[in-house]
Amino acid sequence: MLLKCIKCERIPDEYTDMNHTIANELNILLITGNELDRLDVVLALGGFRRTVNIEEIENVESAFFALENSRFDCILLDMHEKETAEFLDNMDAQTPVVVLAGTDDERLAVETMQKGAQDFLVKGRMDSDLLENAIRHAIERTRILGELRNSQETLKNTKAQLEKVLGEMQEELAV
């Protein structure tokens, strides 16, 4: 269920230290059923030095529908242990996920990151700069991992082609 889509804008500074691969406008999917947490995140996003479009969803079931119909630069997922694990298990690796948790549980943070989250932030300790850096780094890590997967696939295909050519050459030499 779509709660609302809002746009947070702030006149950009001369902000040239950002990685040029990340757009000046971010599309964020915020998944939270808690109104206070939602307000905290929206306020933090409002402090960004870029335009942020936020689509707010109450639960993970609705998130999959939103992901099928829209493209997001990053997903901010409010931590609910069982739902978060299921969501991360069913996500593709194309969209980075930053998990927002109410606890600073290192074991939980490690497990969440092992399941595919790009970052794990504690809600009470999060400010605009920390959230912006986490999102920027999550997007960049996801891009780099995608390039790595593509390079591995290219290498695998090249190896197969070389093995085929080598096999053909060996057959010709044997004749």
C-alpha atoms as a PDB file:
ATOM      1  CA  MET A   1       0.000   0.000   0.000  1.00  0.00           C
ATOM      2  CA  LEU A   2       1.447   3.326  -1.069  1.00  0.00           C
ATOM      3  CA  LEU A   3       1.298   5.846   1.746  1.00  0.00           C
ATOM      4  CA  LYS A   4       2.529   8.848  -0.162  1.00  0.00           C
ATOM      5  CA  CYS A   5       5.226   9.992  -2.473  1.00  0.00           C
ATOM      6  CA  ILE A   6       6.921  13.185  -1.414  1.00  0.00           C
ATOM      7  CA  LYS A   7       9.757  15.205  -2.798  1.00  0.00           C
ATOM      8  CA  CYS A   8      12.368  16.759  -0.505  1.00  0.00           C
ATOM      9  CA  GLU A   9      14.319  19.518  -2.191  1.00  0.00           C
ATOM     10  CA  ARG A  10      17.094  21.744  -1.037  1.00  0.00           C
ATOM     11  CA  ILE A  11      18.989  24.169  -3.203  1.00  0.00           C
ATOM     12  CA  PRO A  12      22.199  22.284  -3.945  1.00  0.00           C
ATOM     13  CA  ASP A  13      25.489  23.735  -2.773  1.00  0.00           C
ATOM     14  CA  GLU A  14      28.480  23.580  -5.041  1.00  0.00           C
ATOM     15  CA  TYR A  15      28.577  19.913  -4.237  1.00  0.00           C
ATOM     16  CA  THR A  16      31.388  18.525  -6.337  1.00  0.00           C
ATOM     17  CA  ASP A  17      32.793  15.999  -3.878  1.00  0.00           C
ATOM     18  CA  MET A  18      30.010  13.522  -4.700  1.00  0.00           C
ATOM     19  CA  ASN A  19      30.865  10.639  -6.987  1.00  0.00           C
ATOM     20  CA  HIS A  20      29.693  11.620 -10.457  1.00  0.00           C
ATOM     21  CA  THR A  21      28.069   8.232 -11.001  1.00  0.00           C
ATOM     22  CA  ILE A  22      25.362   9.095  -8.479  1.00  0.00           C
ATOM     23  CA  ALA A  23      22.621  11.344  -9.787  1.00  0.00           C
ATOM     24  CA  ASN A  24      21.629  14.657  -8.243  1.00  0.00           C
ATOM     25  CA  GLU A  25      18.139  13.236  -7.796  1.00  0.00           C
ATOM     26  CA  LEU A  26      17.569  10.104  -5.719  1.00  0.00           C
ATOM     27  CA  ASN A  27      14.526   7.840  -5.792  1.00  0.00           C
ATOM     28  CA  ILE A  28      14.181   6.190  -2.395  1.00  0.00           C
ATOM     29  CA  LEU A  29      11.767   3.471  -1.306  1.00  0.00           C
ATOM     30  CA  LEU A  30      11.105   3.805   2.424  1.00  0.00           C
ATOM     31  CA  ILE A  31       9.554   0.738   4.040  1.00  0.00           C
ATOM     32  CA  THR A  32       8.275   1.385   7.555  1.00  0.00           C
ATOM     33  CA  GLY A  33       5.013   0.960   9.392  1.00  0.00           C
ATOM     34  CA  ASN A  34       6.031   3.225  12.271  1.00  0.00           C
ATOM     35  CA  GLU A  35       4.963   6.863  11.935  1.00  0.00           C
ATOM     36  CA  LEU A  36       7.686   8.265  14.243  1.00  0.00           C
ATOM     37  CA  ASP A  37      10.421   6.355  12.429  1.00  0.00           C
ATOM     38  CA  ARG A  38       8.981   7.518   9.111  1.00  0.00           C
ATOM     39  CA  LEU A  39       9.109  11.157  10.232  1.00  0.00           C
ATOM     40  CA  ASP A  40      12.711  10.796  11.472  1.00  0.00           C
ATOM     41  CA  VAL A  41      13.825   9.335   8.145  1.00  0.00           C
ATOM     42  CA  VAL A  42      11.928  11.913   6.076  1.00  0.00           C
ATOM     43  CA  LEU A  43      13.491  14.713   8.131  1.00  0.00           C
ATOM     44  CA  ALA A  44      16.954  13.216   7.645  1.00  0.00           C
ATOM     45  CA  LEU A  45      16.334  12.853   3.902  1.00  0.00           C
ATOM     46  CA  GLY A  46      15.184  16.480   3.778  1.00  0.00           C
ATOM     47  CA  GLY A  47      18.666  17.560   4.865  1.00  0.00           C
ATOM     48  CA  PHE A  48      20.319  16.015   1.804  1.00  0.00           C
ATOM     49  CA  ARG A  49      22.202  18.174  -0.657  1.00  0.00           C
ATOM     50  CA  ARG A  50      20.193  16.814  -3.560  1.00  0.00           C
ATOM     51  CA  THR A  51      16.588  16.213  -4.541  1.00  0.00           C
ATOM     52  CA  VAL A  52      15.110  13.123  -2.904  1.00  0.00           C
ATOM     53  CA  ASN A  53      11.906  11.492  -4.128  1.00  0.00           C
ATOM     54  CA  ILE A  54      10.501   9.234  -1.430  1.00  0.00           C
ATOM     55  CA  GLU A  55       7.918   6.547  -1.952  1.00  0.00           C
ATOM     56  CA  GLU A  56       6.646   5.322   1.382  1.00  0.00           C
ATOM     57  CA  ILE A  57       5.371   1.786   1.886  1.00  0.00           C
ATOM     58  CA  GLU A  58       4.028   0.307   5.124  1.00  0.00           C
ATOM     59  CA  ASN A  59       5.211  -3.297   4.704  1.00  0.00           C
ATOM     60  CA  VAL A  60       7.469  -5.561   2.684  1.00  0.00           C
ATOM     61  CA  GLU A  61       4.609  -7.224   0.809  1.00  0.00           C
ATOM     62  CA  SER A  62       3.686  -3.884  -0.752  1.00  0.00           C
ATOM     63  CA  ALA A  63       7.342  -3.161  -1.452  1.00  0.00           C
ATOM     64  CA  PHE A  64       7.602  -5.936  -4.042  1.00  0.00           C
ATOM     65  CA  PHE A  65       4.710  -4.395  -5.974  1.00  0.00           C
ATOM     66  CA  ALA A  66       6.407  -0.987  -5.855  1.00  0.00           C
ATOM     67  CA  LEU A  67       9.695  -2.526  -7.029  1.00  0.00           C
ATOM     68  CA  GLU A  68       7.977  -4.164 -10.001  1.00  0.00           C
ATOM     69  CA  ASN A  69       6.497  -0.843 -11.103  1.00  0.00           C
ATOM     70  CA  SER A  70       9.226   1.687 -10.304  1.00  0.00           C
ATOM     71  CA  ARG A  71      12.993   2.007 -10.220  1.00  0.00           C
ATOM     72  CA  PHE A  72      14.632   3.057  -6.979  1.00  0.00           C
ATOM     73  CA  ASP A  73      18.211   4.077  -6.289  1.00  0.00           C
ATOM     74  CA  CYS A  74      18.061   2.711  -2.748  1.00  0.00           C
ATOM     75  CA  ILE A  75      15.670   1.018  -0.321  1.00  0.00           C
ATOM     76  CA  LEU A  76      15.516   2.081   3.315  1.00  0.00           C
ATOM     77  CA  LEU A  77      14.073  -0.852   5.254  1.00  0.00           C
ATOM     78  CA  ASP A  78      12.876  -0.484   8.832  1.00  0.00           C
ATOM     79  CA  MET A  79      14.108  -3.557  10.699  1.00  0.00           C
ATOM     80  CA  HIS A  80      11.642  -6.250  11.670  1.00  0.00           C
ATOM     81  CA  GLU A  81      13.800  -9.347  12.047  1.00  0.00           C
ATOM     82  CA  LYS A  82      11.647 -11.976  10.286  1.00  0.00           C
ATOM     83  CA  GLU A  83      10.276  -9.668   7.572  1.00  0.00           C
ATOM     84  CA  THR A  84      13.700  -8.163   6.908  1.00  0.00           C
ATOM     85  CA  ALA A  85      15.306 -11.583   6.432  1.00  0.00           C
ATOM     86  CA  GLU A  86      12.526 -12.678   4.054  1.00  0.00           C
ATOM     87  CA  PHE A  87      12.731  -9.410   2.111  1.00  0.00           C
ATOM     88  CA  LEU A  88      16.508  -9.634   1.691  1.00  0.00           C
ATOM     89  CA  ASP A  89      16.245 -13.302   0.651  1.00  0.00           C
ATOM     90  CA  ASN A  90      13.818 -12.342  -2.136  1.00  0.00           C
ATOM     91  CA  MET A  91      15.581  -9.187  -3.347  1.00  0.00           C
ATOM     92  CA  ASP A  92      17.693  -8.990  -6.446  1.00  0.00           C
ATOM     93  CA  ALA A  93      21.166  -7.525  -6.145  1.00  0.00           C
ATOM     94  CA  GLN A  94      20.351  -4.556  -8.389  1.00  0.00           C
ATOM     95  CA  THR A  95      18.892  -2.214  -5.759  1.00  0.00           C
ATOM     96  CA  PRO A  96      20.874  -1.506  -2.590  1.00  0.00           C
ATOM     97  CA  VAL A  97      19.145  -1.924   0.763  1.00  0.00           C
ATOM     98  CA  VAL A  98      20.038   0.058   3.878  1.00  0.00           C
ATOM     99  CA  VAL A  99      18.485  -1.445   7.005  1.00  0.00           C
ATOM    100  CA  LEU A 100      17.345   0.901   9.778  1.00  0.00           C
ATOM    101  CA  ALA A 101      17.240  -0.757  13.192  1.00  0.00           C
ATOM    102  CA  GLY A 102      16.190   0.279  16.650  1.00  0.00           C
ATOM    103  CA  THR A 103      19.021  -1.648  18.269  1.00  0.00           C
ATOM    104  CA  ASP A 104      22.785  -1.677  18.005  1.00  0.00           C
ATOM    105  CA  ASP A 105      23.031  -5.474  17.887  1.00  0.00           C
ATOM    106  CA  GLU A 106      26.286  -6.402  16.151  1.00  0.00           C
ATOM    107  CA  ARG A 107      25.186 -10.003  15.535  1.00  0.00           C
ATOM    108  CA  LEU A 108      22.010  -8.783  13.854  1.00  0.00           C
ATOM    109  CA  ALA A 109      23.946  -6.235  11.797  1.00  0.00           C
ATOM    110  CA  VAL A 110      26.361  -8.895  10.533  1.00  0.00           C
ATOM    111  CA  GLU A 111      23.533 -11.328   9.690  1.00  0.00           C
ATOM    112  CA  THR A 112      21.632  -8.603   7.859  1.00  0.00           C
ATOM    113  CA  MET A 113      24.681  -7.624   5.833  1.00  0.00           C
ATOM    114  CA  GLN A 114      25.399 -11.292   5.025  1.00  0.00           C
ATOM    115  CA  LYS A 115      21.860 -11.593   3.651  1.00  0.00           C
ATOM    116  CA  GLY A 116      22.516  -8.724   1.239  1.00  0.00           C
ATOM    117  CA  ALA A 117      21.917  -5.399   2.978  1.00  0.00           C
ATOM    118  CA  GLN A 118      24.538  -2.814   2.057  1.00  0.00           C
ATOM    119  CA  ASP A 119      24.429  -1.048   5.408  1.00  0.00           C
ATOM    120  CA  PHE A 120      22.871  -1.221   8.872  1.00  0.00           C
ATOM    121  CA  LEU A 121      22.091   2.025  10.703  1.00  0.00           C
ATOM    122  CA  VAL A 122      20.746   2.526  14.212  1.00  0.00           C
ATOM    123  CA  LYS A 123      17.734   4.849  13.999  1.00  0.00           C
ATOM    124  CA  GLY A 124      18.393   6.831  17.168  1.00  0.00           C
ATOM    125  CA  ARG A 125      21.939   7.629  16.061  1.00  0.00           C
ATOM    126  CA  MET A 126      21.162   8.560  12.466  1.00  0.00           C
ATOM    127  CA  ASP A 127      21.441  12.074  11.102  1.00  0.00           C
ATOM    128  CA  SER A 128      21.181  13.494   7.606  1.00  0.00           C
ATOM    129  CA  ASP A 129      24.911  13.258   6.821  1.00  0.00           C
ATOM    130  CA  LEU A 130      25.218   9.680   8.078  1.00  0.00           C
ATOM    131  CA  LEU A 131      22.155   8.581   6.112  1.00  0.00           C
ATOM    132  CA  GLU A 132      23.304  10.363   2.955  1.00  0.00           C
ATOM    133  CA  ASN A 133      26.756   8.760   3.171  1.00  0.00           C
ATOM    134  CA  ALA A 134      25.243   5.327   3.808  1.00  0.00           C
ATOM    135  CA  ILE A 135      22.965   5.665   0.771  1.00  0.00           C
ATOM    136  CA  ARG A 136      25.742   6.999  -1.451  1.00  0.00           C
ATOM    137  CA  HIS A 137      28.119   4.221  -0.420  1.00  0.00           C
ATOM    138  CA  ALA A 138      25.406   1.557  -0.789  1.00  0.00           C
ATOM    139  CA  ILE A 139      24.664   2.732  -4.333  1.00  0.00           C
ATOM    140  CA  GLU A 140      28.352   2.792  -5.226  1.00  0.00           C
ATOM    141  CA  ARG A 141      29.055  -0.660  -3.721  1.00  0.00           C
ATOM    142  CA  THR A 142      26.073  -2.105  -5.591  1.00  0.00           C
ATOM    143  CA  ARG A 143      27.332  -0.578  -8.855  1.00  0.00           C
ATOM    144  CA  ILE A 144      30.827  -1.977  -8.286  1.00  0.00           C
ATOM    145  CA  LEU A 145      29.462  -5.439  -7.415  1.00  0.00           C
ATOM    146  CA  GLY A 146      27.393  -5.374 -10.613  1.00  0.00           C
ATOM    147  CA  GLU A 147      30.492  -4.516 -12.639  1.00  0.00           C
ATOM    148  CA  LEU A 148      32.365  -7.337 -10.901  1.00  0.00           C
ATOM    149  CA  ARG A 149      29.605  -9.840 -11.758  1.00  0.00           C
ATOM    150  CA  ASN A 150      29.657  -8.651 -15.385  1.00  0.00           C
ATOM    151  CA  SER A 151      33.456  -8.972 -15.534  1.00  0.00           C
ATOM    152  CA  GLN A 152      33.300 -12.477 -14.073  1.00  0.00           C
ATOM    153  CA  GLU A 153      30.694 -13.485 -16.657  1.00  0.00           C
ATOM    154  CA  THR A 154      32.805 -12.014 -19.477  1.00  0.00           C
ATOM    155  CA  LEU A 155      35.879 -13.847 -18.177  1.00  0.00           C
ATOM    156  CA  LYS A 156      33.930 -17.109 -17.962  1.00  0.00           C
ATOM    157  CA  ASN A 157      32.699 -16.701 -21.565  1.00  0.00           C
ATOM    158  CA  THR A 158      36.172 -15.773 -22.830  1.00  0.00           C
ATOM    159  CA  LYS A 159      37.670 -18.807 -21.105  1.00  0.00           C
ATOM    160  CA  ALA A 160      35.063 -21.079 -22.724  1.00  0.00           C
ATOM    161  CA  GLN A 161      35.796 -19.591 -26.163  1.00  0.00           C
ATOM    162  CA  LEU A 162      39.565 -19.997 -25.684  1.00  0.00           C
ATOM    163  CA  GLU A 163      39.125 -23.603 -24.561  1.00  0.00           C
ATOM    164  CA  LYS A 164      37.003 -24.276 -27.652  1.00  0.00           C
ATOM    165  CA  VAL A 165      39.595 -22.721 -29.989  1.00  0.00           C
ATOM    166  CA  LEU A 166      42.408 -24.581 -28.242  1.00  0.00           C
ATOM    167  CA  GLY A 167      40.501 -27.851 -28.599  1.00  0.00           C
ATOM    168  CA  GLU A 168      39.967 -27.200 -32.311  1.00  0.00           C
ATOM    169  CA  MET A 169      43.657 -26.389 -32.769  1.00  0.00           C
ATOM    170  CA  GLN A 170      44.683 -29.580 -30.983  1.00  0.00           C
ATOM    171  CA  GLU A 171      42.370 -31.592 -33.248  1.00  0.00           C
ATOM    172  CA  GLU A 172      43.910 -29.975 -36.354  1.00  0.00           C
ATOM    173  CA  LEU A 173      47.436 -30.684 -35.126  1.00  0.00           C
ATOM    174  CA  ALA A 174      46.546 -34.297 -34.420  1.00  0.00           C
ATOM    175  CA  VAL A 175      45.447 -34.825 -38.042  1.00  0.00           C
END
